[in-house]
């Protein structure tokens, strides 16, 4: 069965991107302790004022791989 939406067709029989009955997740987010901060130039270059939040980005790969 195909449905037209603004000139695009959708095949309603293809697998959905999520399971029919997904399980909710629980997140744990600890409180951030205010501590050391970067100098303004380093903060702008790093994208954060806080060194504790300055984590490496490996582009979807594990660090060191």
PDB file of N, CA and C in Angstrom:
ATOM      1  N   UNK A   1       0.850  -1.178   0.000  1.00  0.00           N
ATOM      2  CA  UNK A   1       0.000   0.000   0.000  1.00  0.00           C
ATOM      3  C   UNK A   1       0.890   1.234   0.000  1.00  0.00           C
ATOM      4  N   UNK A   2       0.653   2.105  -0.954  1.00  0.00           N
ATOM      5  CA  UNK A   2       1.425   3.333  -1.031  1.00  0.00           C
ATOM      6  C   UNK A   2       0.505   4.520  -0.802  1.00  0.00           C
ATOM      7  N   UNK A   3       1.015   5.503  -0.120  1.00  0.00           N
ATOM      8  CA  UNK A   3       0.271   6.718   0.170  1.00  0.00           C
ATOM      9  C   UNK A   3       1.023   7.895  -0.416  1.00  0.00           C
ATOM     10  N   UNK A   4       0.320   8.799  -1.065  1.00  0.00           N
ATOM     11  CA  UNK A   4       0.934   9.984  -1.630  1.00  0.00           C
ATOM     12  C   UNK A   4       0.945  11.103  -0.600  1.00  0.00           C
ATOM     13  N   UNK A   5       2.112  11.676  -0.374  1.00  0.00           N
ATOM     14  CA  UNK A   5       2.262  12.820   0.517  1.00  0.00           C
ATOM     15  C   UNK A   5       3.049  13.896  -0.210  1.00  0.00           C
ATOM     16  N   UNK A   6       2.398  14.960  -0.610  1.00  0.00           N
ATOM     17  CA  UNK A   6       3.063  16.077  -1.291  1.00  0.00           C
ATOM     18  C   UNK A   6       3.942  15.606  -2.446  1.00  0.00           C
ATOM     19  N   UNK A   7       3.421  14.716  -3.285  1.00  0.00           N
ATOM     20  CA  UNK A   7       4.166  14.260  -4.437  1.00  0.00           C
ATOM     21  C   UNK A   7       5.165  13.152  -4.150  1.00  0.00           C
ATOM     22  N   UNK A   8       5.311  12.734  -2.903  1.00  0.00           N
ATOM     23  CA  UNK A   8       6.219  11.653  -2.551  1.00  0.00           C
ATOM     24  C   UNK A   8       5.396  10.439  -2.150  1.00  0.00           C
ATOM     25  N   UNK A   9       5.866   9.264  -2.507  1.00  0.00           N
ATOM     26  CA  UNK A   9       5.133   8.067  -2.117  1.00  0.00           C
ATOM     27  C   UNK A   9       5.848   7.378  -0.966  1.00  0.00           C
ATOM     28  N   UNK A  10       5.070   6.795  -0.085  1.00  0.00           N
ATOM     29  CA  UNK A  10       5.603   6.070   1.063  1.00  0.00           C
ATOM     30  C   UNK A  10       5.076   4.646   1.015  1.00  0.00           C
ATOM     31  N   UNK A  11       5.966   3.684   1.088  1.00  0.00           N
ATOM     32  CA  UNK A  11       5.556   2.292   1.135  1.00  0.00           C
ATOM     33  C   UNK A  11       5.319   1.940   2.592  1.00  0.00           C
ATOM     34  N   UNK A  12       4.072   1.728   2.964  1.00  0.00           N
ATOM     35  CA  UNK A  12       3.712   1.494   4.354  1.00  0.00           C
ATOM     36  C   UNK A  12       4.010   0.078   4.823  1.00  0.00           C
ATOM     37  N   UNK A  13       4.517  -0.781   3.937  1.00  0.00           N
ATOM     38  CA  UNK A  13       4.829  -2.157   4.324  1.00  0.00           C
ATOM     39  C   UNK A  13       6.313  -2.359   4.602  1.00  0.00           C
ATOM     40  N   UNK A  14       7.137  -1.340   4.382  1.00  0.00           N
ATOM     41  CA  UNK A  14       8.559  -1.487   4.693  1.00  0.00           C
ATOM     42  C   UNK A  14       8.732  -1.409   6.202  1.00  0.00           C
ATOM     43  N   UNK A  15       9.802  -1.996   6.721  1.00  0.00           N
ATOM     44  CA  UNK A  15      10.005  -1.951   8.177  1.00  0.00           C
ATOM     45  C   UNK A  15      10.093  -0.515   8.702  1.00  0.00           C
ATOM     46  N   UNK A  16       9.494  -0.296   9.843  1.00  0.00           N
ATOM     47  CA  UNK A  16       9.531   1.018  10.483  1.00  0.00           C
ATOM     48  C   UNK A  16      10.937   1.260  11.039  1.00  0.00           C
ATOM     49  N   UNK A  17      11.341   2.518  11.175  1.00  0.00           N
ATOM     50  CA  UNK A  17      12.674   2.778  11.722  1.00  0.00           C
ATOM     51  C   UNK A  17      12.813   2.399  13.190  1.00  0.00           C
ATOM     52  N   UNK A  18      11.709   2.256  13.889  1.00  0.00           N
ATOM     53  CA  UNK A  18      11.722   1.852  15.295  1.00  0.00           C
ATOM     54  C   UNK A  18      10.869   0.602  15.470  1.00  0.00           C
ATOM     55  N   UNK A  19      11.132  -0.183  16.498  1.00  0.00           N
ATOM     56  CA  UNK A  19      10.259  -1.337  16.757  1.00  0.00           C
ATOM     57  C   UNK A  19       8.832  -0.878  17.059  1.00  0.00           C
ATOM     58  N   UNK A  20       7.885  -1.772  16.863  1.00  0.00           N
ATOM     59  CA  UNK A  20       6.484  -1.420  17.135  1.00  0.00           C
ATOM     60  C   UNK A  20       6.260  -1.070  18.600  1.00  0.00           C
ATOM     61  N   UNK A  21       6.970  -1.748  19.502  1.00  0.00           N
ATOM     62  CA  UNK A  21       6.797  -1.518  20.929  1.00  0.00           C
ATOM     63  C   UNK A  21       8.159  -1.207  21.566  1.00  0.00           C
ATOM     64  N   UNK A  22       8.706   0.005  21.313  1.00  0.00           N
ATOM     65  CA  UNK A  22      10.034   0.300  21.846  1.00  0.00           C
ATOM     66  C   UNK A  22      10.036   0.419  23.364  1.00  0.00           C
ATOM     67  N   UNK A  23      11.145   0.061  23.966  1.00  0.00           N
ATOM     68  CA  UNK A  23      11.300   0.143  25.411  1.00  0.00           C
ATOM     69  C   UNK A  23      11.884   1.514  25.743  1.00  0.00           C
ATOM     70  N   UNK A  24      11.263   2.250  26.662  1.00  0.00           N
ATOM     71  CA  UNK A  24      11.822   3.557  27.018  1.00  0.00           C
ATOM     72  C   UNK A  24      13.171   3.406  27.717  1.00  0.00           C
ATOM     73  N   UNK A  25      14.002   4.398  27.557  1.00  0.00           N
ATOM     74  CA  UNK A  25      15.316   4.390  28.196  1.00  0.00           C
ATOM     75  C   UNK A  25      15.306   5.317  29.399  1.00  0.00           C
ATOM     76  N   UNK A  26      16.204   5.059  30.323  1.00  0.00           N
ATOM     77  CA  UNK A  26      16.376   5.954  31.462  1.00  0.00           C
ATOM     78  C   UNK A  26      17.760   6.567  31.349  1.00  0.00           C
ATOM     79  N   UNK A  27      17.826   7.866  31.513  1.00  0.00           N
ATOM     80  CA  UNK A  27      19.104   8.563  31.430  1.00  0.00           C
ATOM     81  C   UNK A  27      19.538   9.005  32.819  1.00  0.00           C
ATOM     82  N   UNK A  28      20.835   8.993  33.007  1.00  0.00           N
ATOM     83  CA  UNK A  28      21.396   9.505  34.248  1.00  0.00           C
ATOM     84  C   UNK A  28      22.297  10.672  33.867  1.00  0.00           C
ATOM     85  N   UNK A  29      21.985  11.835  34.371  1.00  0.00           N
ATOM     86  CA  UNK A  29      22.785  13.019  34.098  1.00  0.00           C
ATOM     87  C   UNK A  29      23.201  13.611  35.441  1.00  0.00           C
ATOM     88  N   UNK A  30      24.481  13.457  35.800  1.00  0.00           N
ATOM     89  CA  UNK A  30      24.918  13.984  37.097  1.00  0.00           C
ATOM     90  C   UNK A  30      24.939  15.507  37.087  1.00  0.00           C
ATOM     91  N   UNK A  31      24.799  16.100  38.246  1.00  0.00           N
ATOM     92  CA  UNK A  31      24.912  17.539  38.366  1.00  0.00           C
ATOM     93  C   UNK A  31      26.344  17.944  38.053  1.00  0.00           C
ATOM     94  N   UNK A  32      26.488  19.027  37.314  1.00  0.00           N
ATOM     95  CA  UNK A  32      27.821  19.524  36.998  1.00  0.00           C
ATOM     96  C   UNK A  32      28.334  20.343  38.172  1.00  0.00           C
ATOM     97  N   UNK A  33      29.532  20.043  38.595  1.00  0.00           N
ATOM     98  CA  UNK A  33      30.180  20.805  39.649  1.00  0.00           C
ATOM     99  C   UNK A  33      30.920  21.968  39.003  1.00  0.00           C
ATOM    100  N   UNK A  34      30.662  23.174  39.485  1.00  0.00           N
ATOM    101  CA  UNK A  34      31.349  24.339  38.934  1.00  0.00           C
ATOM    102  C   UNK A  34      32.786  24.321  39.423  1.00  0.00           C
ATOM    103  N   UNK A  35      33.711  24.302  38.477  1.00  0.00           N
ATOM    104  CA  UNK A  35      35.122  24.246  38.839  1.00  0.00           C
ATOM    105  C   UNK A  35      35.918  25.158  37.935  1.00  0.00           C
ATOM    106  N   UNK A  36      37.016  24.639  37.435  1.00  0.00           N
ATOM    107  CA  UNK A  36      37.895  25.423  36.568  1.00  0.00           C
ATOM    108  C   UNK A  36      37.187  25.770  35.263  1.00  0.00           C
ATOM    109  N   UNK A  37      37.562  26.904  34.704  1.00  0.00           N
ATOM    110  CA  UNK A  37      37.031  27.321  33.405  1.00  0.00           C
ATOM    111  C   UNK A  37      38.189  27.699  32.495  1.00  0.00           C
ATOM    112  N   UNK A  38      37.956  27.581  31.193  1.00  0.00           N
ATOM    113  CA  UNK A  38      38.958  27.977  30.212  1.00  0.00           C
ATOM    114  C   UNK A  38      39.041  29.492  30.105  1.00  0.00           C
ATOM    115  N   UNK A  39      40.172  29.958  29.612  1.00  0.00           N
ATOM    116  CA  UNK A  39      40.293  31.354  29.208  1.00  0.00           C
ATOM    117  C   UNK A  39      39.370  31.558  28.007  1.00  0.00           C
ATOM    118  N   UNK A  40      38.891  32.788  27.763  1.00  0.00           N
ATOM    119  CA  UNK A  40      37.919  33.010  26.676  1.00  0.00           C
ATOM    120  C   UNK A  40      38.356  32.472  25.309  1.00  0.00           C
ATOM    121  N   UNK A  41      39.618  32.647  24.940  1.00  0.00           N
ATOM    122  CA  UNK A  41      40.089  32.178  23.632  1.00  0.00           C
ATOM    123  C   UNK A  41      40.026  30.650  23.531  1.00  0.00           C
ATOM    124  N   UNK A  42      40.451  29.962  24.581  1.00  0.00           N
ATOM    125  CA  UNK A  42      40.412  28.497  24.608  1.00  0.00           C
ATOM    126  C   UNK A  42      38.967  28.005  24.619  1.00  0.00           C
ATOM    127  N   UNK A  43      38.099  28.700  25.350  1.00  0.00           N
ATOM    128  CA  UNK A  43      36.683  28.322  25.399  1.00  0.00           C
ATOM    129  C   UNK A  43      36.050  28.416  24.016  1.00  0.00           C
ATOM    130  N   UNK A  44      36.327  29.487  23.288  1.00  0.00           N
ATOM    131  CA  UNK A  44      35.774  29.630  21.930  1.00  0.00           C
ATOM    132  C   UNK A  44      36.318  28.548  21.004  1.00  0.00           C
ATOM    133  N   UNK A  45      37.591  28.249  21.106  1.00  0.00           N
ATOM    134  CA  UNK A  45      38.197  27.223  20.253  1.00  0.00           C
ATOM    135  C   UNK A  45      37.666  25.828  20.590  1.00  0.00           C
ATOM    136  N   UNK A  46      37.358  25.587  21.871  1.00  0.00           N
ATOM    137  CA  UNK A  46      36.904  24.268  22.321  1.00  0.00           C
ATOM    138  C   UNK A  46      35.399  24.090  22.212  1.00  0.00           C
ATOM    139  N   UNK A  47      34.660  25.188  22.170  1.00  0.00           N
ATOM    140  CA  UNK A  47      33.199  25.098  22.119  1.00  0.00           C
ATOM    141  C   UNK A  47      32.570  24.923  23.487  1.00  0.00           C
ATOM    142  N   UNK A  48      33.362  25.072  24.538  1.00  0.00           N
ATOM    143  CA  UNK A  48      32.842  24.969  25.904  1.00  0.00           C
ATOM    144  C   UNK A  48      33.726  25.786  26.836  1.00  0.00           C
ATOM    145  N   UNK A  49      33.117  26.303  27.877  1.00  0.00           N
ATOM    146  CA  UNK A  49      33.846  27.052  28.888  1.00  0.00           C
ATOM    147  C   UNK A  49      34.491  26.105  29.903  1.00  0.00           C
ATOM    148  N   UNK A  50      33.937  24.901  30.013  1.00  0.00           N
ATOM    149  CA  UNK A  50      34.325  23.984  31.076  1.00  0.00           C
ATOM    150  C   UNK A  50      35.230  22.858  30.573  1.00  0.00           C
ATOM    151  N   UNK A  51      36.438  22.729  31.090  1.00  0.00           N
ATOM    152  CA  UNK A  51      37.342  21.646  30.671  1.00  0.00           C
ATOM    153  C   UNK A  51      36.733  20.254  30.884  1.00  0.00           C
ATOM    154  N   UNK A  52      35.904  20.083  31.899  1.00  0.00           N
ATOM    155  CA  UNK A  52      35.288  18.776  32.146  1.00  0.00           C
ATOM    156  C   UNK A  52      34.360  18.342  31.020  1.00  0.00           C
ATOM    157  N   UNK A  53      33.848  19.298  30.259  1.00  0.00           N
ATOM    158  CA  UNK A  53      32.949  18.973  29.155  1.00  0.00           C
ATOM    159  C   UNK A  53      33.669  18.896  27.816  1.00  0.00           C
ATOM    160  N   UNK A  54      34.948  19.179  27.798  1.00  0.00           N
ATOM    161  CA  UNK A  54      35.735  19.175  26.565  1.00  0.00           C
ATOM    162  C   UNK A  54      36.194  17.750  26.276  1.00  0.00           C
ATOM    163  N   UNK A  55      35.374  17.022  25.535  1.00  0.00           N
ATOM    164  CA  UNK A  55      35.640  15.615  25.225  1.00  0.00           C
ATOM    165  C   UNK A  55      36.030  15.480  23.764  1.00  0.00           C
ATOM    166  N   UNK A  56      36.922  14.557  23.450  1.00  0.00           N
ATOM    167  CA  UNK A  56      37.323  14.368  22.048  1.00  0.00           C
ATOM    168  C   UNK A  56      36.184  13.800  21.214  1.00  0.00           C
ATOM    169  N   UNK A  57      36.118  14.207  19.960  1.00  0.00           N
ATOM    170  CA  UNK A  57      35.138  13.664  19.031  1.00  0.00           C
ATOM    171  C   UNK A  57      35.884  12.798  18.033  1.00  0.00           C
ATOM    172  N   UNK A  58      35.504  11.536  17.969  1.00  0.00           N
ATOM    173  CA  UNK A  58      36.217  10.603  17.092  1.00  0.00           C
ATOM    174  C   UNK A  58      35.426  10.266  15.825  1.00  0.00           C
ATOM    175  N   UNK A  59      34.398  11.021  15.522  1.00  0.00           N
ATOM    176  CA  UNK A  59      33.667  10.813  14.287  1.00  0.00           C
ATOM    177  C   UNK A  59      32.969   9.470  14.192  1.00  0.00           C
ATOM    178  N   UNK A  60      32.427   8.986  15.290  1.00  0.00           N
ATOM    179  CA  UNK A  60      31.717   7.722  15.297  1.00  0.00           C
ATOM    180  C   UNK A  60      32.602   6.520  15.555  1.00  0.00           C
ATOM    181  N   UNK A  61      33.898   6.730  15.661  1.00  0.00           N
ATOM    182  CA  UNK A  61      34.817   5.645  15.976  1.00  0.00           C
ATOM    183  C   UNK A  61      35.216   5.746  17.423  1.00  0.00           C
ATOM    184  N   UNK A  62      35.586   4.629  18.003  1.00  0.00           N
ATOM    185  CA  UNK A  62      36.060   4.652  19.375  1.00  0.00           C
ATOM    186  C   UNK A  62      37.406   5.347  19.445  1.00  0.00           C
ATOM    187  N   UNK A  63      37.636   6.101  20.500  1.00  0.00           N
ATOM    188  CA  UNK A  63      38.906   6.804  20.664  1.00  0.00           C
ATOM    189  C   UNK A  63      40.047   5.806  20.651  1.00  0.00           C
ATOM    190  N   UNK A  64      41.092   6.140  19.944  1.00  0.00           N
ATOM    191  CA  UNK A  64      42.265   5.273  19.878  1.00  0.00           C
ATOM    192  C   UNK A  64      42.178   4.213  18.806  1.00  0.00           C
ATOM    193  N   UNK A  65      41.044   4.157  18.086  1.00  0.00           N
ATOM    194  CA  UNK A  65      40.899   3.128  17.043  1.00  0.00           C
ATOM    195  C   UNK A  65      41.357   3.635  15.710  1.00  0.00           C
TER     196      UNK A  65
END
